[in-house]
Amino acid sequence: MKISFFRIWSLVLFITLTVSCSKEDDTTQEEEQYLEEKIMLNVSYGSHPQQVYDLYLPAGRSSQTTKIMMIIHGGGWTEGDKNDMNTVVNAIRDSHPQYAVVNVNYILATLEQPAFPNQFLDIKTIIQKLTSEKEEHQIKPEFGLIGASAGGHIALMYDYVYDSGNQVKFVANIVGPTDFTDPFFTDQPGMELVLMLLTDIDAYPPGVNLFEALSPAYQVSASSSPTCSFMGISDPLVPVSNGHTLHQKLLDKGIHSVLRTYEGGHADNWSQTDVLDMHLTISDFAQMYLP
């Protein structure tokens, strides 16, 4: 994802700052003002040096009302860093100051440390840690997950497969792959080998079909969270058909799903109008499912 995209998102989020802030209850803010804003960087949640997150706690927070937006970076499961999402994090904090924000790293995949299911389990560990610290931080451990590219895939898989406690209330998937059975992927030479190298085979049943097991569209159930997806029509990495497939699977299960498709590629070359539309859609989901 390109820096220009983040800058546009930052701009359009800032435009909505006044509207979002005006909805705050002045009395509640005055009563809880004794809790000042707090920023905790590179908080460890495991023994690996990449198992860290940044936590942004808003002023006036409360364990009864302060819910959490989790941001998950992309990078093809093997690259990327939470710092890539800092502009997005800051923009969300500006326009939606009532939420806590956690910007996460996960262990990047290597031949010795496969991505799947380890990266999904990293998200689980973070959620468990924040849940155990809810009184200390004065947060309510209900989450909205916002993932970009590989981070979108991780967010979807975590919610659809691992969120047994229903702590995730909605997922926003920005150009994340949802269906590896799509010919766009299966027709690529060596794709089966790529999935095998990214996967700890011992963590899955013998003979598992990885194309299906690692596809969020094949993991949709009646307990999946409401989902909004944003895809580029000319995306060279993730086909727009992936968005349509997931959207239909969710609708078939009676899950609220919104799909937005924009001119442009892998979240680059999107117009400012489209990025604003994406922000407003995510804001609508937050208001409905993470009020």
Protein backbone atom coordinates (compact mmCIF):
# COMPACT_ATOMS: atom_id res chain seq x y z
CA MET A 1 0.00 0.00 0.00
CA LYS A 2 1.41 3.35 -0.93
CA ILE A 3 2.08 6.32 1.26
CA SER A 4 -0.22 8.49 -0.86
CA PHE A 5 -3.16 6.29 0.12
CA PHE A 6 -2.41 6.76 3.82
CA ARG A 7 -2.12 10.51 3.37
CA ILE A 8 -5.47 10.69 1.65
CA TRP A 9 -7.06 8.59 4.39
CA SER A 10 -5.53 10.84 7.02
CA LEU A 11 -7.01 13.88 5.29
CA VAL A 12 -10.53 12.53 4.97
CA LEU A 13 -10.53 11.22 8.52
CA PHE A 14 -9.50 14.64 9.76
CA ILE A 15 -12.42 16.19 7.89
CA THR A 16 -14.82 14.14 10.04
CA LEU A 17 -13.15 15.03 13.34
CA THR A 18 -15.64 17.72 14.31
CA VAL A 19 -18.63 15.49 13.56
CA SER A 20 -17.26 12.57 15.59
CA CYS A 21 -16.21 14.66 18.54
CA SER A 22 -19.55 16.44 18.71
CA LYS A 23 -21.20 13.14 19.59
CA GLU A 24 -19.26 12.82 22.85
CA ASP A 25 -21.22 13.26 26.06
CA ASP A 26 -19.77 16.32 27.78
CA THR A 27 -20.83 15.23 31.24
CA THR A 28 -19.23 11.81 30.86
CA GLN A 29 -16.02 13.40 29.61
CA GLU A 30 -15.87 15.69 32.65
CA GLU A 31 -16.49 12.81 35.05
CA GLU A 32 -13.76 10.64 33.54
CA GLN A 33 -11.21 13.33 32.72
CA TYR A 34 -8.94 12.13 35.54
CA LEU A 35 -7.75 9.38 33.19
CA GLU A 36 -5.34 11.09 30.85
CA GLU A 37 -4.36 9.91 27.40
CA LYS A 38 -1.69 7.22 27.51
CA ILE A 39 0.53 5.79 24.78
CA MET A 40 2.39 2.52 25.22
CA LEU A 41 4.82 1.63 22.42
CA ASN A 42 6.32 -1.78 21.62
CA VAL A 43 4.42 -3.65 24.32
CA SER A 44 5.60 -7.27 24.33
CA TYR A 45 3.04 -10.05 24.16
CA GLY A 46 5.45 -12.95 23.59
CA SER A 47 9.07 -14.03 23.56
CA HIS A 48 9.75 -13.23 19.89
CA PRO A 49 11.04 -9.68 19.23
CA GLN A 50 8.33 -9.17 16.57
CA GLN A 51 5.57 -9.94 19.08
CA VAL A 52 4.90 -6.33 20.05
CA TYR A 53 2.11 -3.80 19.66
CA ASP A 54 1.48 -0.10 20.22
CA LEU A 55 -1.47 0.76 22.46
CA TYR A 56 -3.15 4.16 22.41
CA LEU A 57 -5.50 4.79 25.34
CA PRO A 58 -7.81 7.81 25.10
CA ALA A 59 -8.42 10.34 27.82
CA GLY A 60 -11.58 9.82 29.86
CA ARG A 61 -11.64 6.10 29.15
CA SER A 62 -13.70 3.57 31.04
CA SER A 63 -13.84 -0.21 31.28
CA GLN A 64 -17.56 0.12 30.61
CA THR A 65 -17.40 2.09 27.38
CA THR A 66 -13.92 2.26 25.81
CA LYS A 67 -13.76 -0.34 23.05
CA ILE A 68 -10.81 -1.14 20.82
CA MET A 69 -9.88 -0.74 17.17
CA MET A 70 -7.15 -3.18 16.14
CA ILE A 71 -5.01 -2.32 13.09
CA ILE A 72 -3.21 -5.16 11.26
CA HIS A 73 -0.57 -4.34 8.64
CA GLY A 74 0.05 -6.08 5.34
CA GLY A 75 3.14 -7.27 3.54
CA GLY A 76 2.42 -10.69 2.07
CA TRP A 77 2.72 -12.39 5.50
CA THR A 78 6.53 -12.18 5.18
CA GLU A 79 7.15 -8.42 5.30
CA GLY A 80 5.73 -5.20 6.71
CA ASP A 81 5.59 -3.58 10.11
CA LYS A 82 3.05 -1.84 12.33
CA ASN A 83 4.85 1.45 11.68
CA ASP A 84 3.56 1.22 8.10
CA MET A 85 0.11 1.95 9.55
CA ASN A 86 1.03 4.87 11.82
CA THR A 87 -0.63 7.48 9.62
CA VAL A 88 -3.84 5.46 9.61
CA VAL A 89 -3.65 4.98 13.38
CA ASN A 90 -3.19 8.70 13.99
CA ALA A 91 -6.06 9.58 11.69
CA ILE A 92 -8.40 7.15 13.46
CA ARG A 93 -7.37 8.53 16.83
CA ASP A 94 -8.09 12.06 15.64
CA SER A 95 -11.49 11.35 14.16
CA HIS A 96 -12.68 8.69 16.63
CA PRO A 97 -11.11 9.68 19.97
CA GLN A 98 -13.52 7.55 22.01
CA TYR A 99 -11.76 4.31 20.99
CA ALA A 100 -8.58 2.73 22.21
CA VAL A 101 -6.36 1.73 19.27
CA VAL A 102 -3.91 -1.16 19.14
CA ASN A 103 -1.50 -1.33 16.19
CA VAL A 104 0.00 -4.80 16.03
CA ASN A 105 2.98 -6.70 14.77
CA TYR A 106 2.93 -10.45 14.25
CA ILE A 107 5.78 -12.85 13.59
CA LEU A 108 6.64 -12.58 9.92
CA ALA A 109 6.75 -15.88 8.06
CA THR A 110 9.99 -17.71 7.39
CA LEU A 111 10.70 -21.31 6.40
CA GLU A 112 11.30 -22.04 10.08
CA GLN A 113 8.27 -20.05 11.29
CA PRO A 114 5.32 -20.45 8.90
CA ALA A 115 2.57 -17.86 8.78
CA PHE A 116 -0.41 -20.12 9.30
CA PRO A 117 -1.88 -20.59 11.82
CA ASN A 118 0.78 -18.75 13.86
CA GLN A 119 -0.18 -15.24 12.74
CA PHE A 120 -3.83 -15.91 13.55
CA LEU A 121 -2.76 -17.16 16.98
CA ASP A 122 -0.69 -13.99 17.53
CA ILE A 123 -3.93 -11.99 17.21
CA LYS A 124 -5.56 -14.34 19.72
CA THR A 125 -2.72 -13.81 22.19
CA ILE A 126 -3.01 -10.02 21.88
CA ILE A 127 -6.75 -10.12 22.49
CA GLN A 128 -6.30 -12.40 25.48
CA LYS A 129 -3.64 -10.12 26.94
CA LEU A 130 -5.72 -6.96 26.53
CA THR A 131 -8.73 -8.76 27.99
CA SER A 132 -6.76 -9.76 31.08
CA GLU A 133 -5.63 -6.13 31.49
CA LYS A 134 -9.02 -4.50 30.97
CA GLU A 135 -9.23 -3.04 34.49
CA GLU A 136 -5.63 -1.88 34.47
CA HIS A 137 -6.11 -0.05 31.17
CA GLN A 138 -9.79 0.80 31.69
CA ILE A 139 -10.88 -0.68 28.37
CA LYS A 140 -13.79 -2.86 27.36
CA PRO A 141 -12.36 -5.83 25.39
CA GLU A 142 -14.63 -5.67 22.37
CA PHE A 143 -12.86 -5.21 19.07
CA GLY A 144 -13.19 -3.94 15.54
CA LEU A 145 -10.47 -5.39 13.30
CA ILE A 146 -9.14 -3.32 10.40
CA GLY A 147 -6.67 -5.19 8.22
CA ALA A 148 -4.86 -4.22 5.03
CA SER A 149 -3.81 -6.79 2.40
CA ALA A 150 -2.34 -9.76 4.29
CA GLY A 151 -3.58 -8.05 7.45
CA GLY A 152 -7.11 -8.17 6.06
CA HIS A 153 -6.75 -11.91 5.49
CA ILE A 154 -5.45 -12.37 9.05
CA ALA A 155 -8.33 -10.33 10.48
CA LEU A 156 -10.95 -12.32 8.58
CA MET A 157 -9.44 -15.69 9.47
CA TYR A 158 -9.15 -14.76 13.13
CA ASP A 159 -12.77 -13.71 13.35
CA TYR A 160 -14.24 -16.55 11.30
CA VAL A 161 -12.20 -19.36 12.92
CA TYR A 162 -10.63 -18.35 16.24
CA ASP A 163 -12.93 -15.78 17.89
CA SER A 164 -14.78 -18.29 20.07
CA GLY A 165 -15.64 -15.62 22.66
CA ASN A 166 -17.27 -13.29 20.10
CA GLN A 167 -15.08 -10.39 21.16
CA VAL A 168 -14.69 -9.20 17.57
CA LYS A 169 -17.76 -7.21 16.58
CA PHE A 170 -16.88 -6.31 13.00
CA VAL A 171 -14.09 -6.73 10.44
CA ALA A 172 -12.94 -4.25 7.81
CA ASN A 173 -10.98 -5.96 5.06
CA ILE A 174 -8.95 -3.70 2.78
CA VAL A 175 -7.75 -5.64 -0.32
CA GLY A 176 -7.14 -8.82 1.65
CA PRO A 177 -7.41 -12.17 -0.16
CA THR A 178 -10.52 -14.16 0.73
CA ASP A 179 -10.60 -17.13 -1.68
CA PHE A 180 -7.47 -18.98 -2.74
CA THR A 181 -9.60 -21.38 -4.84
CA ASP A 182 -10.17 -18.53 -7.28
CA PRO A 183 -8.56 -19.34 -10.66
CA PHE A 184 -6.61 -16.11 -10.28
CA PHE A 185 -4.56 -17.98 -7.65
CA THR A 186 -4.89 -21.64 -8.68
CA ASP A 187 -3.75 -20.90 -12.24
CA GLN A 188 -0.49 -19.44 -10.95
CA PRO A 189 2.34 -21.99 -11.23
CA GLY A 190 3.68 -22.99 -7.84
CA MET A 191 0.77 -21.57 -5.81
CA GLU A 192 0.23 -24.85 -3.99
CA LEU A 193 3.89 -24.88 -2.97
CA VAL A 194 3.63 -21.27 -1.77
CA LEU A 195 0.72 -22.12 0.51
CA MET A 196 2.54 -25.18 1.82
CA LEU A 197 5.62 -23.12 2.66
CA LEU A 198 3.46 -20.55 4.44
CA THR A 199 1.70 -23.21 6.49
CA ASP A 200 2.61 -25.36 9.46
CA ILE A 201 1.13 -28.53 8.01
CA ASP A 202 1.25 -30.29 11.38
CA ALA A 203 -1.29 -27.80 12.73
CA TYR A 204 -3.94 -28.96 10.23
CA PRO A 205 -5.65 -32.33 9.68
CA PRO A 206 -3.94 -34.80 7.33
CA GLY A 207 -4.89 -34.29 3.71
CA VAL A 208 -6.31 -30.83 4.33
CA ASN A 209 -7.12 -28.73 1.27
CA LEU A 210 -5.04 -25.64 2.03
CA PHE A 211 -6.71 -23.62 -0.71
CA GLU A 212 -9.97 -23.93 1.20
CA ALA A 213 -8.67 -24.10 4.78
CA LEU A 214 -6.85 -20.77 4.39
CA SER A 215 -9.66 -19.00 2.53
CA PRO A 216 -11.91 -16.84 4.74
CA ALA A 217 -14.76 -17.34 2.26
CA TYR A 218 -14.74 -21.06 3.10
CA GLN A 219 -14.76 -20.36 6.85
CA VAL A 220 -17.87 -18.17 6.94
CA SER A 221 -20.50 -19.35 9.43
CA ALA A 222 -23.53 -17.96 11.19
CA SER A 223 -21.22 -16.72 13.95
CA SER A 224 -19.01 -14.66 11.63
CA SER A 225 -18.94 -10.95 12.39
CA PRO A 226 -20.39 -8.23 10.15
CA THR A 227 -17.82 -7.48 7.47
CA CYS A 228 -17.06 -4.61 5.12
CA SER A 229 -14.64 -5.19 2.26
CA PHE A 230 -12.85 -2.78 -0.05
CA MET A 231 -11.33 -4.02 -3.31
CA GLY A 232 -9.56 -2.48 -6.29
CA ILE A 233 -11.07 -3.35 -9.65
CA SER A 234 -7.61 -3.47 -11.28
CA ASP A 235 -5.76 -5.03 -8.33
CA PRO A 236 -2.85 -7.12 -9.69
CA LEU A 237 -2.42 -9.01 -6.39
CA VAL A 238 -5.94 -9.82 -5.19
CA PRO A 239 -8.78 -10.18 -7.73
CA VAL A 240 -11.94 -8.18 -7.20
CA SER A 241 -13.81 -11.49 -7.59
CA ASN A 242 -12.53 -12.40 -4.11
CA GLY A 243 -14.59 -9.56 -2.70
CA HIS A 244 -17.73 -10.71 -4.48
CA THR A 245 -17.24 -14.31 -3.34
CA LEU A 246 -16.89 -13.38 0.32
CA HIS A 247 -19.78 -10.93 0.11
CA GLN A 248 -22.14 -13.61 -1.23
CA LYS A 249 -20.99 -16.22 1.32
CA LEU A 250 -21.74 -13.79 4.14
CA LEU A 251 -25.14 -12.88 2.76
CA ASP A 252 -25.99 -16.57 2.40
CA LYS A 253 -25.37 -16.98 6.14
CA GLY A 254 -27.41 -13.90 7.02
CA ILE A 255 -24.33 -11.85 7.99
CA HIS A 256 -24.33 -8.11 7.31
CA SER A 257 -21.84 -7.54 4.52
CA VAL A 258 -20.91 -4.45 2.54
CA LEU A 259 -18.63 -4.63 -0.49
CA ARG A 260 -17.11 -1.53 -2.06
CA THR A 261 -15.13 -1.78 -5.30
CA TYR A 262 -13.04 1.13 -6.52
CA GLU A 263 -11.17 2.04 -9.67
CA GLY A 264 -7.48 1.37 -9.13
CA GLY A 265 -5.16 -1.29 -7.84
CA HIS A 266 -4.05 -2.74 -4.52
CA ALA A 267 -5.34 0.23 -2.50
CA ASP A 268 -3.28 2.53 -4.70
CA ASN A 269 -4.56 5.01 -7.25
CA TRP A 270 -7.86 5.17 -5.38
CA SER A 271 -9.55 8.53 -5.58
CA GLN A 272 -9.98 10.73 -2.54
CA THR A 273 -13.73 10.28 -2.91
CA ASP A 274 -13.37 6.50 -2.76
CA VAL A 275 -11.09 6.63 0.27
CA LEU A 276 -13.59 8.90 2.01
CA ASP A 277 -16.34 6.42 1.15
CA MET A 278 -14.26 3.64 2.69
CA HIS A 279 -13.74 5.63 5.89
CA LEU A 280 -17.43 6.46 6.20
CA THR A 281 -18.36 2.82 5.67
CA ILE A 282 -15.97 1.68 8.40
CA SER A 283 -17.32 4.44 10.66
CA ASP A 284 -20.86 3.19 10.04
CA PHE A 285 -19.84 -0.33 11.04
CA ALA A 286 -18.13 0.97 14.17
CA GLN A 287 -21.23 2.92 15.17
CA MET A 288 -23.49 -0.08 14.58
CA TYR A 289 -21.37 -2.85 16.05
CA LEU A 290 -18.84 -1.15 18.35
CA PRO A 291 -20.90 1.74 19.78
